[in-house]
Protein backbone atom coordinates (compact mmCIF):
# COMPACT_ATOMS: atom_id res chain seq x y z
CA MET A 1 -56.72 -4.29 44.35
CA LYS A 2 -54.38 -6.93 45.79
CA LEU A 3 -53.47 -9.89 43.59
CA THR A 4 -54.71 -12.29 46.28
CA ALA A 5 -58.17 -10.84 45.88
CA LEU A 6 -58.42 -12.58 42.52
CA ALA A 7 -58.62 -15.92 44.29
CA GLN A 8 -61.47 -14.91 46.57
CA PRO A 9 -64.73 -16.76 45.99
CA PHE A 10 -67.60 -15.10 44.23
CA SER A 11 -70.65 -16.60 42.59
CA PHE A 12 -71.60 -16.92 38.96
CA ASP A 13 -74.88 -15.31 38.05
CA LEU A 14 -75.95 -18.29 35.99
CA THR A 15 -79.37 -19.64 35.17
CA LEU A 16 -79.60 -22.57 32.78
CA ARG A 17 -82.41 -24.79 31.72
CA SER A 18 -81.72 -28.44 32.42
CA GLY A 19 -82.52 -31.45 30.33
CA PHE A 20 -83.36 -31.50 26.66
CA MET A 21 -83.29 -27.74 26.04
CA ASN A 22 -79.86 -27.34 27.63
CA TYR A 23 -78.40 -30.20 25.58
CA LEU A 24 -79.96 -28.77 22.43
CA MET A 25 -78.46 -25.35 23.13
CA VAL A 26 -75.01 -26.74 23.87
CA SER A 27 -75.17 -28.87 20.68
CA LEU A 28 -75.99 -25.76 18.67
CA ALA A 29 -73.06 -23.98 20.32
CA GLY A 30 -70.83 -26.89 19.35
CA ALA A 31 -72.07 -26.67 15.77
CA LEU A 32 -70.82 -23.05 15.63
CA ALA A 33 -67.24 -24.01 16.53
CA PRO A 34 -66.26 -25.39 13.07
CA LEU A 35 -67.06 -21.98 11.56
CA GLY A 36 -63.75 -20.74 12.97
CA PHE A 37 -61.90 -23.25 10.79
CA ALA A 38 -61.33 -23.16 7.03
CA PRO A 39 -63.05 -22.35 4.75
CA PHE A 40 -65.05 -19.97 6.97
CA HIS A 41 -62.18 -18.42 8.96
CA LEU A 42 -64.31 -16.93 11.75
CA PRO A 43 -62.15 -17.64 14.84
CA GLY A 44 -64.32 -15.45 17.04
CA LEU A 45 -67.20 -17.91 16.64
CA THR A 46 -65.02 -20.79 17.82
CA LEU A 47 -64.03 -18.82 20.93
CA LEU A 48 -67.65 -17.80 21.60
CA SER A 49 -68.78 -21.39 21.15
CA LEU A 50 -66.22 -22.73 23.60
CA ALA A 51 -66.92 -19.85 25.99
CA TYR A 52 -70.60 -20.81 26.07
CA PHE A 53 -69.63 -24.43 26.77
CA TYR A 54 -67.39 -23.31 29.65
CA PHE A 55 -70.20 -21.08 30.93
CA THR A 56 -72.63 -24.02 31.05
CA LEU A 57 -70.31 -26.16 33.17
CA GLN A 58 -70.40 -23.95 36.25
CA THR A 59 -73.44 -25.34 38.09
CA LEU A 60 -73.82 -28.89 36.80
CA THR A 61 -73.57 -32.27 38.48
CA THR A 62 -71.02 -34.81 37.28
CA LYS A 63 -73.61 -36.63 35.15
CA GLN A 64 -74.92 -33.39 33.67
CA SER A 65 -71.36 -32.28 32.92
CA PHE A 66 -70.65 -35.43 30.94
CA PHE A 67 -73.76 -35.09 28.80
CA ASN A 68 -73.10 -31.38 28.33
CA GLY A 69 -69.66 -32.19 26.96
CA PHE A 70 -70.97 -35.10 24.92
CA PHE A 71 -73.68 -33.06 23.22
CA TYR A 72 -71.28 -30.17 22.62
CA GLY A 73 -69.11 -32.70 20.79
CA ILE A 74 -72.08 -33.97 18.79
CA GLY A 75 -72.61 -30.47 17.42
CA PHE A 76 -68.89 -29.77 16.97
CA PHE A 77 -67.90 -32.98 15.20
CA GLY A 78 -71.28 -33.58 13.59
CA ILE A 79 -70.70 -30.46 11.50
CA GLY A 80 -66.90 -30.37 11.46
CA VAL A 81 -66.24 -33.91 10.21
CA SER A 82 -69.50 -34.48 8.36
CA TRP A 83 -67.38 -35.26 5.29
CA VAL A 84 -66.64 -38.73 6.70
CA ILE A 85 -70.00 -39.94 5.39
CA VAL A 86 -68.92 -39.11 1.83
CA SER A 87 -65.98 -41.52 1.83
CA ILE A 88 -67.95 -44.26 3.59
CA HIS A 89 -70.94 -43.99 1.24
CA ASP A 90 -69.29 -43.18 -2.07
CA TYR A 91 -66.15 -45.29 -1.80
CA GLY A 92 -66.86 -47.78 1.00
CA GLN A 93 -69.68 -49.24 -1.09
CA LEU A 94 -72.20 -48.97 1.73
CA ASN A 95 -75.72 -47.58 1.48
CA PHE A 96 -76.52 -44.14 2.82
CA PHE A 97 -78.31 -45.40 5.94
CA ILE A 98 -75.42 -47.60 7.12
CA SER A 99 -72.93 -44.86 6.18
CA GLY A 100 -74.90 -42.43 8.33
CA ILE A 101 -74.94 -44.84 11.28
CA ILE A 102 -71.17 -45.39 11.05
CA THR A 103 -70.56 -41.64 10.83
CA LEU A 104 -72.81 -41.03 13.85
CA ILE A 105 -70.93 -43.68 15.86
CA PHE A 106 -67.65 -42.00 14.91
CA VAL A 107 -68.97 -38.57 15.96
CA MET A 108 -70.24 -40.03 19.25
CA TYR A 109 -66.84 -41.61 19.89
CA LEU A 110 -65.07 -38.26 19.38
CA SER A 111 -67.64 -36.57 21.63
CA LEU A 112 -66.73 -38.89 24.50
CA PHE A 113 -63.44 -37.03 24.90
CA ILE A 114 -65.20 -33.71 25.46
CA GLY A 115 -67.56 -35.44 27.89
CA ALA A 116 -64.53 -36.71 29.80
CA VAL A 117 -63.03 -33.20 29.90
CA ALA A 118 -66.29 -31.85 31.35
CA VAL A 119 -66.39 -34.55 34.06
CA ALA A 120 -62.76 -33.94 35.03
CA PHE A 121 -63.38 -30.19 35.19
CA ASN A 122 -66.46 -30.72 37.35
CA TYR A 123 -64.45 -32.83 39.77
CA LEU A 124 -61.26 -30.74 39.95
CA ARG A 125 -62.33 -27.12 39.67
CA PRO A 126 -62.12 -25.01 42.84
CA GLN A 127 -65.69 -23.94 43.58
CA GLY A 128 -66.19 -20.18 43.48
CA TYR A 129 -62.66 -19.32 42.29
CA PRO A 130 -63.18 -18.50 38.60
CA LEU A 131 -59.68 -17.30 37.75
CA LEU A 132 -58.19 -20.50 39.14
CA SER A 133 -60.65 -22.54 37.10
CA VAL A 134 -59.58 -20.94 33.82
CA PRO A 135 -56.13 -22.58 33.44
CA LEU A 136 -57.55 -25.87 34.70
CA PHE A 137 -60.15 -25.88 31.92
CA ALA A 138 -57.48 -25.05 29.33
CA ALA A 139 -55.19 -27.83 30.59
CA LEU A 140 -57.98 -30.42 30.61
CA TRP A 141 -59.14 -29.41 27.13
CA CYS A 142 -55.59 -29.72 25.85
CA ALA A 143 -55.23 -33.14 27.51
CA GLY A 144 -58.50 -34.29 25.97
CA GLU A 145 -57.35 -33.27 22.50
CA TYR A 146 -54.05 -35.08 22.99
CA LEU A 147 -55.88 -38.28 23.93
CA ARG A 148 -58.23 -37.91 20.96
CA SER A 149 -55.19 -37.44 18.72
CA THR A 150 -53.35 -40.54 19.91
CA LEU A 151 -55.70 -43.25 21.23
CA PHE A 152 -56.65 -46.00 18.76
CA THR A 153 -54.46 -44.49 15.99
CA GLY A 154 -55.81 -41.02 16.84
CA PHE A 155 -57.79 -38.35 15.02
CA PRO A 156 -56.07 -34.95 15.43
CA TRP A 157 -58.60 -33.07 13.32
CA LEU A 158 -60.30 -29.82 14.37
CA LEU A 159 -57.85 -29.04 17.17
CA ILE A 160 -59.32 -26.00 18.89
CA GLY A 161 -56.20 -23.84 18.52
CA THR A 162 -56.21 -24.05 14.72
CA PRO A 163 -58.45 -20.99 14.09
CA LEU A 164 -56.00 -18.83 16.04
CA ILE A 165 -53.72 -18.72 12.99
CA ASP A 166 -56.17 -16.11 11.68
CA THR A 167 -55.40 -13.88 14.68
CA PRO A 168 -52.24 -12.23 16.05
CA VAL A 169 -51.78 -15.32 18.24
CA LYS A 170 -50.40 -17.09 15.15
CA PHE A 171 -46.99 -15.55 15.87
CA LEU A 172 -46.70 -17.72 18.98
CA THR A 173 -47.02 -20.92 16.94
CA PRO A 174 -43.28 -21.58 16.33
CA ILE A 175 -42.74 -21.15 20.09
CA ILE A 176 -45.63 -22.96 21.79
CA GLY A 177 -46.66 -25.49 19.12
CA ILE A 178 -50.13 -26.65 18.17
CA TYR A 179 -50.94 -27.92 21.67
CA GLY A 180 -49.79 -24.61 23.05
CA LEU A 181 -52.31 -23.00 20.70
CA ASN A 182 -54.98 -25.42 21.93
CA PHE A 183 -54.24 -24.42 25.53
CA TYR A 184 -54.22 -20.74 24.56
CA ALA A 185 -57.57 -20.97 22.73
CA ALA A 186 -59.26 -22.70 25.67
CA LEU A 187 -57.77 -20.09 28.01
CA LEU A 188 -59.13 -17.25 25.86
CA ALA A 189 -62.56 -18.90 25.67
CA ALA A 190 -62.77 -19.37 29.44
CA LEU A 191 -61.74 -15.75 30.02
CA LEU A 192 -64.34 -14.66 27.49
CA ALA A 193 -66.99 -16.59 29.43
CA LEU A 194 -66.00 -14.78 32.63
CA LEU A 195 -65.94 -11.47 30.80
CA LEU A 196 -69.46 -11.95 29.45
CA GLY A 197 -70.91 -13.57 32.55
CA GLU A 198 -69.39 -11.62 35.43
CA VAL A 199 -70.96 -8.26 36.27
CA LYS A 200 -69.01 -7.41 39.41
CA PRO A 201 -66.10 -4.96 39.75
CA LYS A 202 -63.48 -7.57 38.86
CA LYS A 203 -64.76 -7.63 35.30
CA PHE A 204 -62.09 -5.18 34.07
CA ILE A 205 -59.42 -7.76 34.97
CA PHE A 206 -60.93 -10.29 32.57
CA VAL A 207 -61.22 -7.64 29.84
CA ALA A 208 -57.58 -6.65 30.28
CA LEU A 209 -56.31 -10.24 30.30
CA PHE A 210 -58.34 -11.18 27.24
CA VAL A 211 -57.25 -8.17 25.18
CA ILE A 212 -53.59 -8.52 26.16
CA MET A 213 -53.54 -12.24 25.34
CA LEU A 214 -55.17 -11.65 21.98
CA ILE A 215 -53.13 -8.63 20.86
CA ALA A 216 -49.71 -8.94 22.54
CA PRO A 217 -48.39 -11.74 20.24
CA ALA A 218 -48.44 -9.21 17.38
CA ALA A 219 -45.19 -7.89 18.87
CA LEU A 220 -43.54 -10.98 17.34
CA THR A 221 -44.60 -10.07 13.79
CA LYS A 222 -41.05 -9.44 12.58
CA THR A 223 -39.38 -12.16 14.65
CA SER A 224 -37.66 -14.88 12.61
CA TRP A 225 -36.14 -17.99 14.13
CA THR A 226 -34.71 -19.35 10.88
CA GLN A 227 -32.71 -18.02 7.96
CA LEU A 228 -34.34 -17.93 4.53
CA LYS A 229 -31.92 -18.55 1.67
CA THR A 230 -33.31 -15.83 -0.58
CA ASP A 231 -30.30 -16.18 -2.88
CA GLU A 232 -31.21 -19.82 -3.62
CA PRO A 233 -34.74 -19.72 -5.07
CA VAL A 234 -36.30 -23.03 -6.08
CA SER A 235 -38.75 -22.97 -8.98
CA VAL A 236 -41.56 -25.48 -8.50
CA GLY A 237 -44.49 -26.74 -10.51
CA ALA A 238 -47.31 -29.12 -9.66
CA VAL A 239 -50.05 -30.93 -11.54
CA GLN A 240 -53.63 -30.92 -10.25
CA ALA A 241 -55.47 -33.44 -12.44
CA ASN A 242 -58.89 -33.29 -10.73
CA LEU A 243 -59.83 -36.87 -11.58
CA SER A 244 -62.37 -38.53 -9.28
CA MET A 245 -61.56 -41.75 -7.47
CA ARG A 246 -63.95 -43.72 -9.68
CA ASP A 247 -62.65 -42.20 -12.91
CA LYS A 248 -59.10 -43.27 -12.05
CA TRP A 249 -60.19 -46.88 -12.45
CA ASP A 250 -61.98 -46.34 -15.76
CA GLU A 251 -59.71 -47.92 -18.40
CA THR A 252 -60.25 -45.23 -21.03
CA LEU A 253 -59.81 -42.39 -18.57
CA PHE A 254 -56.73 -44.09 -17.09
CA TRP A 255 -54.85 -43.82 -20.37
CA ASN A 256 -56.06 -40.25 -20.72
CA LEU A 257 -54.66 -39.58 -17.23
CA LEU A 258 -51.22 -40.89 -18.21
CA ARG A 259 -51.23 -38.63 -21.28
CA LEU A 260 -52.40 -35.67 -19.18
CA TYR A 261 -49.54 -36.11 -16.72
CA GLU A 262 -46.97 -36.47 -19.48
CA GLN A 263 -48.22 -33.35 -21.29
CA SER A 264 -48.40 -31.35 -18.06
CA ILE A 265 -44.89 -32.39 -17.04
CA LYS A 266 -43.66 -31.32 -20.49
CA GLN A 267 -45.04 -27.81 -19.84
CA LEU A 268 -43.25 -27.66 -16.48
CA LEU A 269 -39.87 -29.04 -17.58
CA GLY A 270 -37.09 -26.68 -16.53
CA LYS A 271 -38.56 -26.15 -13.07
CA LYS A 272 -36.20 -27.36 -10.39
CA LEU A 273 -38.95 -29.58 -8.97
CA ILE A 274 -42.19 -30.93 -10.47
CA ILE A 275 -44.71 -32.59 -8.16
CA LEU A 276 -47.61 -34.95 -8.79
CA PRO A 277 -50.18 -35.71 -6.04
CA GLU A 278 -50.74 -38.75 -3.84
CA SER A 279 -51.70 -41.88 -5.81
CA ALA A 280 -51.24 -39.82 -8.95
CA ILE A 281 -51.30 -43.04 -10.96
CA PRO A 282 -53.57 -45.76 -9.52
CA LEU A 283 -51.24 -48.64 -10.29
CA PRO A 284 -48.11 -49.90 -8.49
CA ALA A 285 -44.83 -48.53 -9.80
CA SER A 286 -43.81 -52.03 -10.93
CA TYR A 287 -46.56 -51.95 -13.61
CA LEU A 288 -45.30 -48.72 -15.15
CA ASP A 289 -41.59 -49.27 -15.82
CA LYS A 290 -41.62 -47.98 -19.41
CA TYR A 291 -43.75 -44.95 -18.59
CA LEU A 292 -41.67 -43.96 -15.55
CA THR A 293 -38.41 -44.52 -17.47
CA ARG A 294 -39.63 -42.14 -20.17
CA LEU A 295 -40.54 -39.48 -17.59
CA ASN A 296 -37.18 -39.97 -15.88
CA LYS A 297 -35.24 -39.35 -19.10
CA LYS A 298 -37.21 -36.20 -19.93
CA ALA A 299 -36.83 -34.77 -16.42
CA THR A 300 -33.10 -35.53 -16.29
CA ALA A 301 -32.48 -33.94 -19.69
CA ALA A 302 -34.28 -30.76 -18.56
CA GLY A 303 -32.46 -30.63 -15.21
CA SER A 304 -35.73 -31.11 -13.33
CA GLY A 305 -36.53 -33.28 -10.35
CA LEU A 306 -39.87 -35.10 -10.42
CA ILE A 307 -41.66 -36.59 -7.42
CA LEU A 308 -44.99 -38.39 -7.50
CA GLY A 309 -47.23 -40.39 -5.24
CA ILE A 310 -47.66 -44.04 -6.19
CA LEU A 311 -48.00 -47.49 -4.65
CA GLN A 312 -44.72 -49.34 -4.25
CA PRO A 313 -44.59 -53.12 -3.62
CA THR A 314 -43.08 -54.26 -0.33
CA ASN A 315 -41.88 -57.55 -1.85
CA GLU A 316 -41.55 -59.42 -5.14
CA THR A 317 -44.89 -61.18 -4.75
CA GLU A 318 -46.62 -57.80 -4.36
CA THR A 319 -49.00 -58.96 -1.65
CA HIS A 320 -48.65 -55.64 0.18
CA TYR A 321 -47.75 -52.09 -0.80
CA TYR A 322 -46.41 -48.84 0.57
CA ASN A 323 -48.16 -45.55 -0.11
CA ALA A 324 -45.01 -43.89 -1.40
CA ILE A 325 -43.40 -40.82 -2.89
CA ILE A 326 -40.85 -41.82 -5.53
CA THR A 327 -38.36 -39.57 -7.32
CA LEU A 328 -37.25 -39.23 -10.93
CA GLY A 329 -34.87 -36.91 -12.78
CA THR A 330 -32.55 -34.93 -10.52
CA ALA A 331 -34.56 -35.65 -7.35
CA LYS A 332 -33.19 -38.37 -5.08
CA GLY A 333 -34.70 -40.65 -2.44
CA LYS A 334 -38.20 -41.82 -1.53
CA TRP A 335 -40.73 -41.48 1.26
CA LEU A 336 -42.97 -44.25 2.59
CA LYS A 337 -46.10 -43.09 4.37
CA GLN A 338 -45.87 -43.81 8.12
CA HIS A 339 -49.32 -42.98 9.47
CA LEU A 340 -52.01 -44.75 7.49
CA VAL A 341 -55.69 -43.84 7.40
CA PRO A 342 -57.72 -46.34 9.46
CA PHE A 343 -60.37 -48.05 7.29
CA GLY A 344 -59.07 -46.15 4.25
CA GLU A 345 -55.66 -47.84 3.97
CA TYR A 346 -55.84 -50.51 6.65
CA VAL A 347 -58.37 -52.04 9.02
CA PRO A 348 -57.41 -51.99 12.73
CA SER A 349 -57.17 -55.57 13.96
CA VAL A 350 -59.99 -55.11 16.49
CA PHE A 351 -62.37 -54.37 13.60
CA SER A 352 -61.30 -57.17 11.26
CA THR A 353 -64.36 -59.31 12.07
CA ILE A 354 -66.72 -56.38 11.45
CA ASN A 355 -64.89 -55.67 8.19
CA LYS A 356 -65.57 -59.21 6.96
CA TRP A 357 -69.20 -59.07 8.13
CA LEU A 358 -69.81 -55.86 6.17
CA ASN A 359 -68.00 -57.38 3.18
CA LEU A 360 -65.70 -54.37 2.82
CA PRO A 361 -62.77 -54.51 0.38
CA GLU A 362 -59.52 -55.98 1.68
CA LEU A 363 -56.81 -53.40 2.36
CA ASN A 364 -53.15 -54.26 1.86
CA ILE A 365 -51.23 -51.03 2.56
CA VAL A 366 -48.49 -51.17 5.20
CA PRO A 367 -46.73 -48.25 6.96
CA GLY A 368 -43.19 -47.13 6.32
CA ARG A 369 -40.66 -47.00 9.13
CA LYS A 370 -39.86 -43.95 11.22
CA PHE A 371 -36.82 -41.72 10.63
CA GLN A 372 -36.42 -42.30 6.90
CA ARG A 373 -33.74 -40.68 4.79
CA LEU A 374 -34.97 -37.39 3.35
CA ILE A 375 -35.74 -36.76 -0.29
CA SER A 376 -33.43 -34.15 -1.81
CA ILE A 377 -33.38 -31.97 -4.89
CA SER A 378 -30.08 -30.47 -6.05
CA GLY A 379 -28.63 -31.26 -2.64
CA LEU A 380 -31.47 -29.52 -0.75
CA PRO A 381 -33.23 -31.93 1.64
CA LEU A 382 -36.99 -31.58 1.96
CA ALA A 383 -39.58 -32.92 4.38
CA SER A 384 -42.25 -35.18 2.89
CA LEU A 385 -45.82 -35.78 4.07
CA ILE A 386 -48.58 -37.83 2.48
CA CYS A 387 -52.22 -36.90 3.12
CA TYR A 388 -53.18 -37.88 6.70
CA GLU A 389 -49.61 -37.24 7.88
CA ILE A 390 -50.30 -33.51 7.56
CA ALA A 391 -52.36 -33.85 10.76
CA TYR A 392 -49.36 -35.21 12.69
CA PRO A 393 -46.67 -32.57 13.32
CA SER A 394 -44.57 -35.24 15.06
CA ILE A 395 -43.88 -36.83 11.66
CA LEU A 396 -42.63 -33.49 10.38
CA ALA A 397 -40.54 -33.04 13.54
CA GLN A 398 -38.62 -36.25 12.69
CA GLN A 399 -37.38 -34.54 9.52
CA MET A 400 -36.31 -31.29 11.15
CA PRO A 401 -34.11 -29.25 11.22
CA LYS A 402 -32.34 -30.96 8.32
CA ALA A 403 -35.26 -30.45 5.91
CA GLN A 404 -35.16 -26.98 4.35
CA TRP A 405 -38.72 -26.96 3.01
CA ILE A 406 -41.81 -29.17 2.92
CA VAL A 407 -43.74 -31.07 0.25
CA SER A 408 -47.21 -32.39 1.16
CA ILE A 409 -49.20 -34.48 -1.31
CA SER A 410 -52.80 -35.66 -0.99
CA ASP A 411 -55.73 -37.11 -2.86
CA ASN A 412 -58.83 -35.75 -1.16
CA GLY A 413 -61.15 -37.16 -3.79
CA TRP A 414 -62.21 -39.53 -1.00
CA PHE A 415 -64.10 -36.66 0.63
CA GLY A 416 -65.89 -35.15 -2.36
CA HIS A 417 -67.01 -31.51 -2.32
CA SER A 418 -66.75 -31.10 1.44
CA LEU A 419 -64.89 -29.18 4.14
CA ALA A 420 -62.05 -31.72 4.39
CA SER A 421 -59.65 -30.24 1.82
CA TYR A 422 -59.97 -26.73 3.28
CA GLN A 423 -59.40 -28.02 6.81
CA GLN A 424 -56.36 -29.99 5.68
CA LEU A 425 -54.84 -26.96 3.95
CA GLN A 426 -55.24 -24.98 7.17
CA MET A 427 -53.37 -27.71 9.05
CA ALA A 428 -50.61 -27.48 6.44
CA GLN A 429 -50.36 -23.75 7.17
CA ILE A 430 -49.70 -24.61 10.82
CA LEU A 431 -46.82 -26.88 9.79
CA SER A 432 -45.16 -23.99 7.95
CA LEU A 433 -45.68 -21.77 10.99
CA LEU A 434 -44.21 -24.37 13.36
CA THR A 435 -41.02 -24.76 11.32
CA GLU A 436 -40.81 -21.45 9.41
CA ARG A 437 -40.47 -23.43 6.18
CA TYR A 438 -41.98 -22.87 2.77
CA GLN A 439 -44.33 -25.65 1.73
CA VAL A 440 -45.78 -26.93 -1.52
CA VAL A 441 -49.15 -28.64 -1.03
CA VAL A 442 -50.28 -30.73 -3.99
CA ASN A 443 -53.74 -32.26 -4.07
CA ASN A 444 -55.40 -34.20 -6.86
CA ASP A 445 -58.73 -32.40 -6.73
CA GLY A 446 -58.04 -28.85 -5.63
CA LEU A 447 -56.44 -26.27 -3.37
CA SER A 448 -52.88 -27.14 -4.44
CA SER A 449 -50.93 -24.30 -2.84
CA ILE A 450 -47.63 -22.69 -1.99
CA ILE A 451 -47.35 -21.58 1.64
CA ASN A 452 -44.60 -19.22 2.79
CA SER A 453 -42.57 -19.49 5.98
CA LYS A 454 -45.12 -17.38 7.88
CA GLY A 455 -47.95 -19.80 7.12
CA GLU A 456 -49.53 -17.59 4.43
CA VAL A 457 -50.95 -19.11 1.25
CA ILE A 458 -49.25 -17.16 -1.55
CA GLU A 459 -50.34 -19.29 -4.53
CA ARG A 460 -53.43 -21.51 -4.79
CA LEU A 461 -55.36 -23.36 -7.46
CA PRO A 462 -59.17 -23.40 -7.28
CA PRO A 463 -60.92 -26.41 -5.75
CA PHE A 464 -62.31 -29.19 -7.92
CA SER A 465 -60.60 -28.09 -11.12
CA ALA A 466 -57.60 -29.15 -13.19
CA GLY A 467 -54.58 -26.88 -13.46
CA LEU A 468 -50.86 -26.30 -13.07
CA LEU A 469 -49.43 -24.66 -9.95
CA GLU A 470 -46.24 -22.66 -10.55
CA GLY A 471 -44.17 -20.57 -8.19
CA THR A 472 -40.95 -20.06 -6.30
CA ILE A 473 -40.01 -21.16 -2.81
CA PHE A 474 -36.98 -20.40 -0.67
CA PRO A 475 -35.15 -23.00 1.44
CA ALA A 476 -34.55 -22.25 5.11
CA SER A 477 -32.01 -23.35 7.68
CA GLY A 478 -32.08 -23.18 11.45
CA SER A 479 -34.60 -24.18 14.09
CA THR A 480 -37.65 -22.64 15.68
CA PRO A 481 -38.22 -23.27 19.40
CA TRP A 482 -40.84 -25.85 18.39
CA ILE A 483 -38.25 -27.80 16.40
CA HIS A 484 -36.10 -27.95 19.54
CA TRP A 485 -38.82 -28.61 22.11
CA HIS A 486 -41.71 -30.07 20.08
CA GLU A 487 -44.91 -30.08 22.17
CA TYR A 488 -43.24 -30.91 25.50
CA PRO A 489 -43.56 -27.46 27.15
CA ALA A 490 -47.34 -27.45 26.57
CA PHE A 491 -47.62 -31.03 27.83
CA LEU A 492 -45.60 -30.27 30.97
CA LEU A 493 -47.62 -27.13 31.71
CA CYS A 494 -50.93 -28.96 31.35
CA ALA A 495 -49.70 -31.89 33.44
CA ALA A 496 -48.52 -29.55 36.20
CA ILE A 497 -51.86 -27.71 36.31
CA ILE A 498 -53.86 -30.93 36.42
CA ILE A 499 -51.66 -32.51 39.10
CA LEU A 500 -51.79 -29.38 41.28
CA SER A 501 -55.57 -29.25 40.88
CA LEU A 502 -55.86 -32.90 41.86
CA LEU A 503 -53.70 -32.33 44.94
CA ALA A 504 -55.79 -29.28 45.84
CA ARG A 505 -58.92 -31.40 45.60
CA LEU A 506 -57.51 -34.29 47.63
CA PHE A 507 -56.06 -32.09 50.38
CA LYS A 508 -58.92 -29.55 50.31
CA TRP A 509 -56.73 -26.50 49.73
CA PHE A 510 -59.84 -24.55 48.65
């Protein structure tokens, strides 16, 4: 068969019910997609879900395409980020009904991006040329996820390429980045739709492409872009206190918390680095001079570095604070959180009136500046991330390649017993894959982990329990292709495909 034959038109054998039943089916398909993410780890279901969505777009009008995408998003985000209601209800001091309405509005907002992708695909796709439509769909999906991740502070959660780290495709991560994975996942899903829906002789082409794309990256299994310093092991320990957000503000439990941290640190003294989670102590550092001085002396005497998450005043009047990592003992430097959580740490200005109307608590956290000096331990610089920053690889990229390993701290007590902590740990795994760096993830309420340079969790504490995490990590030097190029190759590829498709539409090339 000639290669040009692949571009010849042929029809989709597609029969779909319109209206309510179609939107219900596509919503159910969307609800399957989160099962590919942690803690379920069923990437095949995410690909099947997206394949079904692609399949449904083939014979729809522009209006139908939008609603198809919108309702797919309702299912996808309605299940995937259902944990948002926990923080709004339990800690935003709103009743369950209003919390549910706010969560639904948030899910609907996120779904608009998938609706926009569907409309753009409907307008730009070359009718009857399925192989040419595949990369267009992948490019548009990738563009939609970029916009969702950046507009109005962004929400880069549940990026569609994330489940691929449980497949051989993971070995492409340090080369193509997370948006390259997003493009790749959408490409695989569209090919899968053609494979399942096309019954004509060309079907073997789709089978071959799909299998090759899924399996071929395994050839990179032993490829290393960086150099691990196996002769310079770093012993680490971390404290997982498992104290709820409300309990932190109970006066009796607060003093118990201080004693717990001091006793736990005593058990870990001698480790090169000891880590406490985000907002480990729910008071500004300026209120705890004697306590922190005592910890500093003990850590220094034992030759240990100690880092902990705490609020740090921005000025003497203490009207505003940084969400910070501070260092004690042999550790040096500090990190001020750059990307704050909207409504959790600050209220976007456009919502300030609504905030007052709902009588929500005032928020006085401000972001740190970009390109901060790195924290170091025994001369080894490390990259620092606080909670929501784990979802933004660009913040990690600022600290590379100088940083030789990564420390991520969080307090996911905001989200209760939900999917959020598992999803966040999976995003942390991607960061280790992107940079080929070991990472220590420390969370107040569970899943504190050590991740190796291949993105594998090698030590982990159980969720929702107190404990001490102990292990060894190895610093790394050098750069992966992603450290050099960031996400630009994926962005340029997607932009080129979309522009060419637009030109083809305008000049009627097909």
